[in-house]
Amino acid sequence: MKRTSIYQPGLAWFAALGSAWVFVLVALGAFTTSIGAGMAFPDWPLSNGSVNPHGWLTEIDKFAEHSHRLSGTMMGLITIVLAVWLHRAEERAWLRRLGWWALAIVICQGVLGGTRVMFDRIHVPGFAMSFGQMLRIPHGVLAQVYVCVLFAIAAGLSRPWVNNTLGTAGPRVRRLGWWCAALVFAQLTLAATMRHNYAGMAIPTFPFSTPDGALLPAIWDYRVALQFAHRVMAAVIGVGILTYGHFLFREKSLTPGLRLASLLLVGLVGAQILLGAQIIWTGRSVTMTVGHVITGALTLAVTFVVAFFTYRGSIEPTTT
């Protein structure tokens, strides 16, 4: 098959659909964690020795975990096809490399998920979590890296990117975009650490840290510190996204669609803060928790892809 850098609708849509499927995987992973179903099956890669284990369609914990495994398998197959297709059809070396990086990450994710199950009972001296439980944190963080890689591939294959119709962003907008993407990624890393240390309700009031309206918690431990840091980071990101959105919207040299993404970013951060508040107010509702995780991943994806689009001129200085 001849390699080409022209817009390829089949490949572009396949990458876009793969980027959408990752949110199914994120949602099922968040649901599994929220109801404590990560060890519904004590074996891996099969579930109770089967690809169709008894009870997985009738028992909620088994449904959550097995659905997560099946969606992960589908994500792996999608990534294999995407990497091979890019290698065969795409002339841009950076896109081909991203395809193989996506495949490497999804393999690592599978291994981390399986190791988490098999090592669940291995105790680590000095820690409340077992070794398997600790692996949930890098598993969650690496998932966010994977989201960004998939969206970078989809962006690079899109018609506006290939035809170079995005416009040109100034250095201030480009810098703000990457800073915001980095802040959101740091926040999701902190969130994964907090979530798997059972610190989601360490401060049971919101927006204040105590029932009598104090800003700082009355009692501190590592869970309270994680929860409080998560709240502070949310405020920092709110200010950062508002600033970025302001300058992005005013960047007249960019295409209107890219400038209007500023409104989406502000809306996503507002929704994320509201969902975080609802988690506290509802005593960690599963629906609100899953929505919070999905919206966090979507906020990272949109922030990253907008910043990536504005950086096109540095990645591909000339039209391909």
C-alpha atoms as a PDB file:
ATOM      1  CA  MET A   1       0.000   0.000   0.000  1.00  0.00           C
ATOM      2  CA  LYS A   2       1.398   3.392  -0.969  1.00  0.00           C
ATOM      3  CA  ARG A   3       2.082   5.799   1.872  1.00  0.00           C
ATOM      4  CA  THR A   4       0.480   9.220   1.561  1.00  0.00           C
ATOM      5  CA  SER A   5      -0.059  12.324   3.671  1.00  0.00           C
ATOM      6  CA  ILE A   6      -3.299  13.395   2.004  1.00  0.00           C
ATOM      7  CA  TYR A   7      -6.492  13.327   4.027  1.00  0.00           C
ATOM      8  CA  GLN A   8      -7.677   9.741   4.384  1.00  0.00           C
ATOM      9  CA  PRO A   9     -11.283   9.706   5.637  1.00  0.00           C
ATOM     10  CA  GLY A  10     -11.351   5.992   6.498  1.00  0.00           C
ATOM     11  CA  LEU A  11      -8.236   6.166   8.654  1.00  0.00           C
ATOM     12  CA  ALA A  12      -9.256   9.511  10.166  1.00  0.00           C
ATOM     13  CA  TRP A  13     -12.700   8.254  11.175  1.00  0.00           C
ATOM     14  CA  PHE A  14     -11.284   5.025  12.558  1.00  0.00           C
ATOM     15  CA  ALA A  15      -8.902   7.032  14.779  1.00  0.00           C
ATOM     16  CA  ALA A  16     -11.762   9.302  15.859  1.00  0.00           C
ATOM     17  CA  LEU A  17     -13.984   6.342  16.750  1.00  0.00           C
ATOM     18  CA  GLY A  18     -11.090   4.773  18.665  1.00  0.00           C
ATOM     19  CA  SER A  19     -10.713   8.034  20.584  1.00  0.00           C
ATOM     20  CA  ALA A  20     -14.421   7.898  21.430  1.00  0.00           C
ATOM     21  CA  TRP A  21     -14.274   4.244  22.517  1.00  0.00           C
ATOM     22  CA  VAL A  22     -11.622   5.057  25.101  1.00  0.00           C
ATOM     23  CA  PHE A  23     -14.295   6.889  27.097  1.00  0.00           C
ATOM     24  CA  VAL A  24     -16.364   3.702  27.260  1.00  0.00           C
ATOM     25  CA  LEU A  25     -13.308   2.073  28.801  1.00  0.00           C
ATOM     26  CA  VAL A  26     -12.779   4.988  31.211  1.00  0.00           C
ATOM     27  CA  ALA A  27     -16.455   4.926  32.236  1.00  0.00           C
ATOM     28  CA  LEU A  28     -16.438   1.181  32.935  1.00  0.00           C
ATOM     29  CA  GLY A  29     -13.157   1.473  34.837  1.00  0.00           C
ATOM     30  CA  ALA A  30     -14.565   4.305  36.959  1.00  0.00           C
ATOM     31  CA  PHE A  31     -17.754   2.342  37.625  1.00  0.00           C
ATOM     32  CA  THR A  32     -15.789  -0.772  38.604  1.00  0.00           C
ATOM     33  CA  THR A  33     -13.661   1.191  41.054  1.00  0.00           C
ATOM     34  CA  SER A  34     -16.613   3.157  42.454  1.00  0.00           C
ATOM     35  CA  ILE A  35     -18.501   0.010  43.470  1.00  0.00           C
ATOM     36  CA  GLY A  36     -15.354  -1.800  44.625  1.00  0.00           C
ATOM     37  CA  ALA A  37     -15.588  -4.547  41.997  1.00  0.00           C
ATOM     38  CA  GLY A  38     -11.942  -4.659  40.928  1.00  0.00           C
ATOM     39  CA  MET A  39     -11.516  -8.137  42.403  1.00  0.00           C
ATOM     40  CA  ALA A  40     -14.855  -9.584  41.287  1.00  0.00           C
ATOM     41  CA  PHE A  41     -12.752 -12.224  39.522  1.00  0.00           C
ATOM     42  CA  PRO A  42      -9.524 -13.408  41.183  1.00  0.00           C
ATOM     43  CA  ASP A  43      -7.932 -14.611  37.927  1.00  0.00           C
ATOM     44  CA  TRP A  44      -6.667 -12.960  34.744  1.00  0.00           C
ATOM     45  CA  PRO A  45      -6.817 -12.720  31.709  1.00  0.00           C
ATOM     46  CA  LEU A  46      -9.931 -14.929  31.920  1.00  0.00           C
ATOM     47  CA  SER A  47     -12.720 -14.295  34.392  1.00  0.00           C
ATOM     48  CA  ASN A  48     -13.271 -17.354  36.560  1.00  0.00           C
ATOM     49  CA  GLY A  49     -11.512 -19.265  33.821  1.00  0.00           C
ATOM     50  CA  SER A  50     -13.926 -18.156  31.089  1.00  0.00           C
ATOM     51  CA  VAL A  51     -14.575 -15.419  28.555  1.00  0.00           C
ATOM     52  CA  ASN A  52     -18.272 -15.735  29.470  1.00  0.00           C
ATOM     53  CA  PRO A  53     -18.236 -16.279  33.248  1.00  0.00           C
ATOM     54  CA  HIS A  54     -21.357 -17.315  35.107  1.00  0.00           C
ATOM     55  CA  GLY A  55     -23.246 -14.425  36.653  1.00  0.00           C
ATOM     56  CA  TRP A  56     -21.595 -11.554  34.831  1.00  0.00           C
ATOM     57  CA  LEU A  57     -24.894 -10.458  33.264  1.00  0.00           C
ATOM     58  CA  THR A  58     -26.863 -10.695  36.513  1.00  0.00           C
ATOM     59  CA  GLU A  59     -24.450  -9.641  39.296  1.00  0.00           C
ATOM     60  CA  ILE A  60     -23.428  -5.995  39.222  1.00  0.00           C
ATOM     61  CA  ASP A  61     -19.859  -6.430  40.477  1.00  0.00           C
ATOM     62  CA  LYS A  62     -19.112  -9.173  37.956  1.00  0.00           C
ATOM     63  CA  PHE A  63     -20.784  -7.183  35.188  1.00  0.00           C
ATOM     64  CA  ALA A  64     -18.668  -4.122  35.977  1.00  0.00           C
ATOM     65  CA  GLU A  65     -15.324  -5.925  36.058  1.00  0.00           C
ATOM     66  CA  HIS A  66     -15.930  -8.266  33.115  1.00  0.00           C
ATOM     67  CA  SER A  67     -17.317  -5.432  30.970  1.00  0.00           C
ATOM     68  CA  HIS A  68     -14.205  -3.438  31.777  1.00  0.00           C
ATOM     69  CA  ARG A  69     -12.020  -6.354  30.686  1.00  0.00           C
ATOM     70  CA  LEU A  70     -13.993  -6.853  27.464  1.00  0.00           C
ATOM     71  CA  SER A  71     -13.870  -3.146  26.615  1.00  0.00           C
ATOM     72  CA  GLY A  72     -10.116  -3.180  27.285  1.00  0.00           C
ATOM     73  CA  THR A  73      -9.721  -6.104  24.891  1.00  0.00           C
ATOM     74  CA  MET A  74     -11.686  -4.187  22.247  1.00  0.00           C
ATOM     75  CA  MET A  75      -9.506  -1.135  22.848  1.00  0.00           C
ATOM     76  CA  GLY A  76      -6.421  -3.290  22.327  1.00  0.00           C
ATOM     77  CA  LEU A  77      -7.748  -4.634  19.025  1.00  0.00           C
ATOM     78  CA  ILE A  78      -8.611  -1.112  17.855  1.00  0.00           C
ATOM     79  CA  THR A  79      -5.106   0.067  18.720  1.00  0.00           C
ATOM     80  CA  ILE A  80      -3.454  -2.830  16.878  1.00  0.00           C
ATOM     81  CA  VAL A  81      -5.436  -2.029  13.713  1.00  0.00           C
ATOM     82  CA  LEU A  82      -4.696   1.684  14.078  1.00  0.00           C
ATOM     83  CA  ALA A  83      -0.936   1.170  14.539  1.00  0.00           C
ATOM     84  CA  VAL A  84      -0.664  -1.184  11.551  1.00  0.00           C
ATOM     85  CA  TRP A  85      -2.859   1.018   9.367  1.00  0.00           C
ATOM     86  CA  LEU A  86      -0.757   4.080  10.196  1.00  0.00           C
ATOM     87  CA  HIS A  87       2.449   2.171   9.491  1.00  0.00           C
ATOM     88  CA  ARG A  88       1.211   1.058   6.093  1.00  0.00           C
ATOM     89  CA  ALA A  89      -0.650   4.154   4.905  1.00  0.00           C
ATOM     90  CA  GLU A  90       0.843   7.232   6.582  1.00  0.00           C
ATOM     91  CA  GLU A  91       4.053   8.892   5.398  1.00  0.00           C
ATOM     92  CA  ARG A  92       4.508  11.182   8.413  1.00  0.00           C
ATOM     93  CA  ALA A  93       6.987   9.480  10.723  1.00  0.00           C
ATOM     94  CA  TRP A  94       5.735  11.191  13.878  1.00  0.00           C
ATOM     95  CA  LEU A  95       2.223   9.819  13.334  1.00  0.00           C
ATOM     96  CA  ARG A  96       3.525   6.310  12.696  1.00  0.00           C
ATOM     97  CA  ARG A  97       5.565   6.512  15.904  1.00  0.00           C
ATOM     98  CA  LEU A  98       2.508   7.673  17.849  1.00  0.00           C
ATOM     99  CA  GLY A  99       0.622   4.634  16.573  1.00  0.00           C
ATOM    100  CA  TRP A 100       3.269   2.289  17.962  1.00  0.00           C
ATOM    101  CA  TRP A 101       3.408   4.277  21.210  1.00  0.00           C
ATOM    102  CA  ALA A 102      -0.358   3.883  21.575  1.00  0.00           C
ATOM    103  CA  LEU A 103       0.024   0.129  21.109  1.00  0.00           C
ATOM    104  CA  ALA A 104       2.853  -0.043  23.653  1.00  0.00           C
ATOM    105  CA  ILE A 105       0.775   1.876  26.192  1.00  0.00           C
ATOM    106  CA  VAL A 106      -2.320  -0.280  25.750  1.00  0.00           C
ATOM    107  CA  ILE A 107      -0.193  -3.398  26.236  1.00  0.00           C
ATOM    108  CA  CYS A 108       1.281  -1.905  29.415  1.00  0.00           C
ATOM    109  CA  GLN A 109      -2.221  -1.069  30.598  1.00  0.00           C
ATOM    110  CA  GLY A 110      -3.316  -4.651  30.099  1.00  0.00           C
ATOM    111  CA  VAL A 111      -0.290  -5.949  31.986  1.00  0.00           C
ATOM    112  CA  LEU A 112      -0.837  -3.459  34.829  1.00  0.00           C
ATOM    113  CA  GLY A 113      -4.500  -4.429  35.065  1.00  0.00           C
ATOM    114  CA  GLY A 114      -3.668  -8.125  35.154  1.00  0.00           C
ATOM    115  CA  THR A 115      -0.829  -7.677  37.637  1.00  0.00           C
ATOM    116  CA  ARG A 116      -3.132  -5.689  39.874  1.00  0.00           C
ATOM    117  CA  VAL A 117      -5.424  -8.750  40.081  1.00  0.00           C
ATOM    118  CA  MET A 118      -2.721 -11.392  40.479  1.00  0.00           C
ATOM    119  CA  PHE A 119      -0.743  -9.444  43.106  1.00  0.00           C
ATOM    120  CA  ASP A 120      -3.741  -8.234  45.093  1.00  0.00           C
ATOM    121  CA  ARG A 121      -2.810 -10.299  48.159  1.00  0.00           C
ATOM    122  CA  ILE A 122       0.881  -9.323  48.294  1.00  0.00           C
ATOM    123  CA  HIS A 123       1.343  -7.175  51.377  1.00  0.00           C
ATOM    124  CA  VAL A 124       3.772  -4.237  51.308  1.00  0.00           C
ATOM    125  CA  PRO A 125       5.233  -3.502  54.773  1.00  0.00           C
ATOM    126  CA  GLY A 126       4.338  -0.046  56.033  1.00  0.00           C
ATOM    127  CA  PHE A 127       1.446   0.504  53.599  1.00  0.00           C
ATOM    128  CA  ALA A 128      -2.286  -0.003  53.973  1.00  0.00           C
ATOM    129  CA  MET A 129      -2.640  -1.046  50.328  1.00  0.00           C
ATOM    130  CA  SER A 130      -1.394  -4.324  48.892  1.00  0.00           C
ATOM    131  CA  PHE A 131       1.042  -4.268  45.955  1.00  0.00           C
ATOM    132  CA  GLY A 132      -1.797  -5.072  43.560  1.00  0.00           C
ATOM    133  CA  GLN A 133      -3.887  -2.220  44.915  1.00  0.00           C
ATOM    134  CA  MET A 134      -0.967   0.177  44.487  1.00  0.00           C
ATOM    135  CA  LEU A 135      -0.855  -0.649  40.782  1.00  0.00           C
ATOM    136  CA  ARG A 136      -4.280   0.936  40.362  1.00  0.00           C
ATOM    137  CA  ILE A 137      -2.635   4.362  40.553  1.00  0.00           C
ATOM    138  CA  PRO A 138      -0.176   4.014  37.621  1.00  0.00           C
ATOM    139  CA  HIS A 139      -2.959   2.187  35.752  1.00  0.00           C
ATOM    140  CA  GLY A 140      -5.171   5.254  36.102  1.00  0.00           C
ATOM    141  CA  VAL A 141      -2.402   7.723  35.252  1.00  0.00           C
ATOM    142  CA  LEU A 142      -1.243   5.818  32.174  1.00  0.00           C
ATOM    143  CA  ALA A 143      -4.846   5.760  30.946  1.00  0.00           C
ATOM    144  CA  GLN A 144      -4.722   9.571  30.720  1.00  0.00           C
ATOM    145  CA  VAL A 145      -1.483   9.431  28.720  1.00  0.00           C
ATOM    146  CA  TYR A 146      -3.168   6.975  26.370  1.00  0.00           C
ATOM    147  CA  VAL A 147      -6.114   9.341  25.905  1.00  0.00           C
ATOM    148  CA  CYS A 148      -3.740  12.131  24.873  1.00  0.00           C
ATOM    149  CA  VAL A 149      -1.852   9.911  22.416  1.00  0.00           C
ATOM    150  CA  LEU A 150      -5.091   8.760  20.776  1.00  0.00           C
ATOM    151  CA  PHE A 151      -6.326  12.320  20.440  1.00  0.00           C
ATOM    152  CA  ALA A 152      -2.997  13.452  18.993  1.00  0.00           C
ATOM    153  CA  ILE A 153      -3.312  10.752  16.325  1.00  0.00           C
ATOM    154  CA  ALA A 154      -6.917  11.702  15.562  1.00  0.00           C
ATOM    155  CA  ALA A 155      -5.955  15.384  15.371  1.00  0.00           C
ATOM    156  CA  GLY A 156      -3.046  14.713  13.007  1.00  0.00           C
ATOM    157  CA  LEU A 157      -5.300  12.702  10.684  1.00  0.00           C
ATOM    158  CA  SER A 158      -8.156  15.236  10.668  1.00  0.00           C
ATOM    159  CA  ARG A 159      -9.032  17.239   7.573  1.00  0.00           C
ATOM    160  CA  PRO A 160      -8.276  20.689   9.127  1.00  0.00           C
ATOM    161  CA  TRP A 161      -4.809  19.473  10.184  1.00  0.00           C
ATOM    162  CA  VAL A 162      -3.922  17.833   6.867  1.00  0.00           C
ATOM    163  CA  ASN A 163      -5.254  20.771   4.820  1.00  0.00           C
ATOM    164  CA  ASN A 164      -3.678  23.290   7.220  1.00  0.00           C
ATOM    165  CA  THR A 165      -6.857  25.330   7.719  1.00  0.00           C
ATOM    166  CA  LEU A 166      -6.540  25.810  11.484  1.00  0.00           C
ATOM    167  CA  GLY A 167      -4.878  29.212  11.407  1.00  0.00           C
ATOM    168  CA  THR A 168      -1.820  30.259  13.373  1.00  0.00           C
ATOM    169  CA  ALA A 169      -1.733  30.851  17.122  1.00  0.00           C
ATOM    170  CA  GLY A 170       0.598  33.278  18.810  1.00  0.00           C
ATOM    171  CA  PRO A 171       3.202  32.146  21.340  1.00  0.00           C
ATOM    172  CA  ARG A 172       1.104  33.238  24.342  1.00  0.00           C
ATOM    173  CA  VAL A 173      -1.862  31.064  23.348  1.00  0.00           C
ATOM    174  CA  ARG A 174       0.394  28.101  22.599  1.00  0.00           C
ATOM    175  CA  ARG A 175       2.155  28.380  25.965  1.00  0.00           C
ATOM    176  CA  LEU A 176      -1.094  28.793  27.909  1.00  0.00           C
ATOM    177  CA  GLY A 177      -2.544  25.752  26.180  1.00  0.00           C
ATOM    178  CA  TRP A 178       0.313  23.486  27.168  1.00  0.00           C
ATOM    179  CA  TRP A 179       0.368  24.856  30.713  1.00  0.00           C
ATOM    180  CA  CYS A 180      -3.353  24.160  31.096  1.00  0.00           C
ATOM    181  CA  ALA A 181      -2.996  20.662  29.644  1.00  0.00           C
ATOM    182  CA  ALA A 182      -0.135  19.985  32.076  1.00  0.00           C
ATOM    183  CA  LEU A 183      -2.193  21.279  35.011  1.00  0.00           C
ATOM    184  CA  VAL A 184      -5.181  19.100  34.103  1.00  0.00           C
ATOM    185  CA  PHE A 185      -2.921  16.071  33.730  1.00  0.00           C
ATOM    186  CA  ALA A 186      -1.337  16.788  37.136  1.00  0.00           C
ATOM    187  CA  GLN A 187      -4.815  17.118  38.641  1.00  0.00           C
ATOM    188  CA  LEU A 188      -5.916  13.766  37.215  1.00  0.00           C
ATOM    189  CA  THR A 189      -2.743  12.160  38.567  1.00  0.00           C
ATOM    190  CA  LEU A 190      -3.551  13.608  41.978  1.00  0.00           C
ATOM    191  CA  ALA A 191      -7.155  12.443  41.599  1.00  0.00           C
ATOM    192  CA  ALA A 192      -6.074   8.873  40.828  1.00  0.00           C
ATOM    193  CA  THR A 193      -3.828   8.887  43.903  1.00  0.00           C
ATOM    194  CA  MET A 194      -6.611  10.307  46.054  1.00  0.00           C
ATOM    195  CA  ARG A 195      -9.264   7.966  44.678  1.00  0.00           C
ATOM    196  CA  HIS A 196      -7.267   4.795  45.239  1.00  0.00           C
ATOM    197  CA  ASN A 197      -6.255   5.916  48.718  1.00  0.00           C
ATOM    198  CA  TYR A 198      -9.975   6.193  49.572  1.00  0.00           C
ATOM    199  CA  ALA A 199      -9.649   9.930  50.179  1.00  0.00           C
ATOM    200  CA  GLY A 200     -12.672  11.035  48.144  1.00  0.00           C
ATOM    201  CA  MET A 201     -14.638  11.857  51.292  1.00  0.00           C
ATOM    202  CA  ALA A 202     -11.694  12.778  53.526  1.00  0.00           C
ATOM    203  CA  ILE A 203     -13.153  16.295  53.735  1.00  0.00           C
ATOM    204  CA  PRO A 204     -16.926  15.673  53.916  1.00  0.00           C
ATOM    205  CA  THR A 205     -18.016  19.298  53.391  1.00  0.00           C
ATOM    206  CA  PHE A 206     -17.892  21.631  50.378  1.00  0.00           C
ATOM    207  CA  PRO A 207     -16.981  24.358  49.498  1.00  0.00           C
ATOM    208  CA  PHE A 208     -15.605  24.846  53.011  1.00  0.00           C
ATOM    209  CA  SER A 209     -13.374  22.304  54.732  1.00  0.00           C
ATOM    210  CA  THR A 210     -15.296  22.163  58.006  1.00  0.00           C
ATOM    211  CA  PRO A 211     -18.991  22.347  58.960  1.00  0.00           C
ATOM    212  CA  ASP A 212     -18.433  25.747  60.610  1.00  0.00           C
ATOM    213  CA  GLY A 213     -17.109  27.304  57.384  1.00  0.00           C
ATOM    214  CA  ALA A 214     -13.328  27.174  57.800  1.00  0.00           C
ATOM    215  CA  LEU A 215     -11.201  27.155  54.656  1.00  0.00           C
ATOM    216  CA  LEU A 216      -8.564  24.834  56.137  1.00  0.00           C
ATOM    217  CA  PRO A 217      -9.308  21.369  57.559  1.00  0.00           C
ATOM    218  CA  ALA A 218      -9.331  21.138  61.344  1.00  0.00           C
ATOM    219  CA  ILE A 219      -7.501  17.794  61.361  1.00  0.00           C
ATOM    220  CA  TRP A 220      -4.837  16.687  58.894  1.00  0.00           C
ATOM    221  CA  ASP A 221      -3.641  13.318  57.683  1.00  0.00           C
ATOM    222  CA  TYR A 222      -2.409  12.164  54.292  1.00  0.00           C
ATOM    223  CA  ARG A 223      -5.933  11.549  52.982  1.00  0.00           C
ATOM    224  CA  VAL A 224      -7.082  15.009  54.029  1.00  0.00           C
ATOM    225  CA  ALA A 225      -3.956  16.496  52.431  1.00  0.00           C
ATOM    226  CA  LEU A 226      -4.704  14.702  49.149  1.00  0.00           C
ATOM    227  CA  GLN A 227      -8.315  15.901  49.129  1.00  0.00           C
ATOM    228  CA  PHE A 228      -7.363  19.471  50.008  1.00  0.00           C
ATOM    229  CA  ALA A 229      -4.631  19.569  47.336  1.00  0.00           C
ATOM    230  CA  HIS A 230      -7.202  18.313  44.813  1.00  0.00           C
ATOM    231  CA  ARG A 231      -9.492  21.216  45.676  1.00  0.00           C
ATOM    232  CA  VAL A 232      -6.706  23.777  45.461  1.00  0.00           C
ATOM    233  CA  MET A 233      -5.665  22.406  42.069  1.00  0.00           C
ATOM    234  CA  ALA A 234      -9.278  22.675  40.877  1.00  0.00           C
ATOM    235  CA  ALA A 235      -9.246  26.384  41.726  1.00  0.00           C
ATOM    236  CA  VAL A 236      -5.907  26.886  39.961  1.00  0.00           C
ATOM    237  CA  ILE A 237      -7.184  25.078  36.864  1.00  0.00           C
ATOM    238  CA  GLY A 238     -10.364  27.146  36.906  1.00  0.00           C
ATOM    239  CA  VAL A 239      -8.345  30.360  36.782  1.00  0.00           C
ATOM    240  CA  GLY A 240      -5.970  28.895  34.196  1.00  0.00           C
ATOM    241  CA  ILE A 241      -8.734  27.725  31.859  1.00  0.00           C
ATOM    242  CA  LEU A 242     -10.580  31.042  32.132  1.00  0.00           C
ATOM    243  CA  THR A 243      -7.372  32.871  31.214  1.00  0.00           C
ATOM    244  CA  TYR A 244      -6.572  30.485  28.383  1.00  0.00           C
ATOM    245  CA  GLY A 245     -10.151  30.618  27.117  1.00  0.00           C
ATOM    246  CA  HIS A 246     -10.072  34.416  27.076  1.00  0.00           C
ATOM    247  CA  PHE A 247      -6.939  34.645  24.961  1.00  0.00           C
ATOM    248  CA  LEU A 248      -7.893  31.693  22.770  1.00  0.00           C
ATOM    249  CA  PHE A 249     -11.247  33.283  21.948  1.00  0.00           C
ATOM    250  CA  ARG A 250      -9.545  36.584  21.079  1.00  0.00           C
ATOM    251  CA  GLU A 251      -6.938  34.941  18.797  1.00  0.00           C
ATOM    252  CA  LYS A 252      -8.399  36.177  15.503  1.00  0.00           C
ATOM    253  CA  SER A 253      -5.815  34.332  13.408  1.00  0.00           C
ATOM    254  CA  LEU A 254      -7.313  30.964  14.402  1.00  0.00           C
ATOM    255  CA  THR A 255     -10.297  29.309  12.751  1.00  0.00           C
ATOM    256  CA  PRO A 256     -13.649  30.144  14.455  1.00  0.00           C
ATOM    257  CA  GLY A 257     -14.203  26.516  15.482  1.00  0.00           C
ATOM    258  CA  LEU A 258     -10.928  26.428  17.384  1.00  0.00           C
ATOM    259  CA  ARG A 259     -11.637  29.749  19.056  1.00  0.00           C
ATOM    260  CA  LEU A 260     -15.094  28.563  20.142  1.00  0.00           C
ATOM    261  CA  ALA A 261     -13.460  25.571  21.834  1.00  0.00           C
ATOM    262  CA  SER A 262     -12.658  28.054  24.607  1.00  0.00           C
ATOM    263  CA  LEU A 263     -16.346  28.008  25.594  1.00  0.00           C
ATOM    264  CA  LEU A 264     -16.332  24.203  25.688  1.00  0.00           C
ATOM    265  CA  LEU A 265     -13.273  24.203  27.931  1.00  0.00           C
ATOM    266  CA  VAL A 266     -14.817  26.641  30.385  1.00  0.00           C
ATOM    267  CA  GLY A 267     -18.047  24.626  30.387  1.00  0.00           C
ATOM    268  CA  LEU A 268     -16.219  21.354  31.044  1.00  0.00           C
ATOM    269  CA  VAL A 269     -14.266  22.776  33.978  1.00  0.00           C
ATOM    270  CA  GLY A 270     -17.461  24.278  35.430  1.00  0.00           C
ATOM    271  CA  ALA A 271     -19.245  20.925  35.081  1.00  0.00           C
ATOM    272  CA  GLN A 272     -16.301  19.125  36.638  1.00  0.00           C
ATOM    273  CA  ILE A 273     -16.310  21.368  39.697  1.00  0.00           C
ATOM    274  CA  LEU A 274     -20.074  20.926  40.070  1.00  0.00           C
ATOM    275  CA  LEU A 275     -19.766  17.134  39.817  1.00  0.00           C
ATOM    276  CA  GLY A 276     -16.989  17.184  42.406  1.00  0.00           C
ATOM    277  CA  ALA A 277     -19.258  19.138  44.737  1.00  0.00           C
ATOM    278  CA  GLN A 278     -22.086  16.672  44.124  1.00  0.00           C
ATOM    279  CA  ILE A 279     -19.828  13.786  45.130  1.00  0.00           C
ATOM    280  CA  ILE A 280     -19.413  15.408  48.551  1.00  0.00           C
ATOM    281  CA  TRP A 281     -23.041  16.487  48.887  1.00  0.00           C
ATOM    282  CA  THR A 282     -24.408  13.042  47.922  1.00  0.00           C
ATOM    283  CA  GLY A 283     -21.963  11.048  50.031  1.00  0.00           C
ATOM    284  CA  ARG A 284     -20.018   9.754  47.007  1.00  0.00           C
ATOM    285  CA  SER A 285     -22.861   8.841  44.681  1.00  0.00           C
ATOM    286  CA  VAL A 286     -21.695   6.288  42.096  1.00  0.00           C
ATOM    287  CA  THR A 287     -23.370   8.242  39.283  1.00  0.00           C
ATOM    288  CA  MET A 288     -21.698  11.509  40.266  1.00  0.00           C
ATOM    289  CA  THR A 289     -18.340   9.800  40.789  1.00  0.00           C
ATOM    290  CA  VAL A 290     -18.367   8.111  37.391  1.00  0.00           C
ATOM    291  CA  GLY A 291     -19.496  11.355  35.752  1.00  0.00           C
ATOM    292  CA  HIS A 292     -16.664  13.200  37.494  1.00  0.00           C
ATOM    293  CA  VAL A 293     -14.068  10.728  36.199  1.00  0.00           C
ATOM    294  CA  ILE A 294     -15.412  10.823  32.632  1.00  0.00           C
ATOM    295  CA  THR A 295     -15.619  14.621  32.593  1.00  0.00           C
ATOM    296  CA  GLY A 296     -12.059  14.831  33.933  1.00  0.00           C
ATOM    297  CA  ALA A 297     -10.764  12.640  31.121  1.00  0.00           C
ATOM    298  CA  LEU A 298     -12.779  14.624  28.577  1.00  0.00           C
ATOM    299  CA  THR A 299     -11.430  17.913  29.963  1.00  0.00           C
ATOM    300  CA  LEU A 300      -7.879  16.640  29.543  1.00  0.00           C
ATOM    301  CA  ALA A 301      -8.610  15.378  26.012  1.00  0.00           C
ATOM    302  CA  VAL A 302     -10.167  18.661  24.855  1.00  0.00           C
ATOM    303  CA  THR A 303      -7.507  20.834  26.511  1.00  0.00           C
ATOM    304  CA  PHE A 304      -4.743  18.707  25.017  1.00  0.00           C
ATOM    305  CA  VAL A 305      -6.189  18.512  21.512  1.00  0.00           C
ATOM    306  CA  VAL A 306      -6.874  22.262  21.357  1.00  0.00           C
ATOM    307  CA  ALA A 307      -3.304  22.974  22.468  1.00  0.00           C
ATOM    308  CA  PHE A 308      -2.068  20.385  19.975  1.00  0.00           C
ATOM    309  CA  PHE A 309      -3.992  22.024  17.124  1.00  0.00           C
ATOM    310  CA  THR A 310      -2.527  25.441  17.955  1.00  0.00           C
ATOM    311  CA  TYR A 311       0.953  23.891  17.863  1.00  0.00           C
ATOM    312  CA  ARG A 312       0.570  22.469  14.354  1.00  0.00           C
ATOM    313  CA  GLY A 313       2.964  24.946  12.769  1.00  0.00           C
ATOM    314  CA  SER A 314       5.814  23.711  14.966  1.00  0.00           C
ATOM    315  CA  ILE A 315       5.123  20.042  14.235  1.00  0.00           C
ATOM    316  CA  GLU A 316       4.583  20.459  10.505  1.00  0.00           C
ATOM    317  CA  PRO A 317       6.028  23.852   9.453  1.00  0.00           C
ATOM    318  CA  THR A 318       5.009  23.348   5.831  1.00  0.00           C
ATOM    319  CA  THR A 319       1.842  21.953   4.294  1.00  0.00           C
ATOM    320  CA  THR A 320       2.158  18.227   3.604  1.00  0.00           C
END
